[in-house]
């Protein structure tokens, strides 16, 4: 539902979801595909706390404070230092 500049939606995940990775905190099942379906007009997004997000499902840049995860931008989400947010 799109109304007054806001988008709202919900879905049920349940207990039978399957993670595609053993990474703690990773999105479960097809969560990212469902989020992408809510925003079909978004070509690219900034994935905060990205960890090991699969950008082939929902294209975008990644931001994480851990350099070992090889994010597009290695910075704190509190400051987003060095991230071109005006784009």
Foldseek 3Di string as FASTA:
>chain_A
DADPNDFDDDDDDDDPWAQPDPDPPDDTHCVLLVVCVSPVPDQEDEAECCQQPDCVNPPYFYEDCDCVSPGNHNDDPVVCPPPPPVD
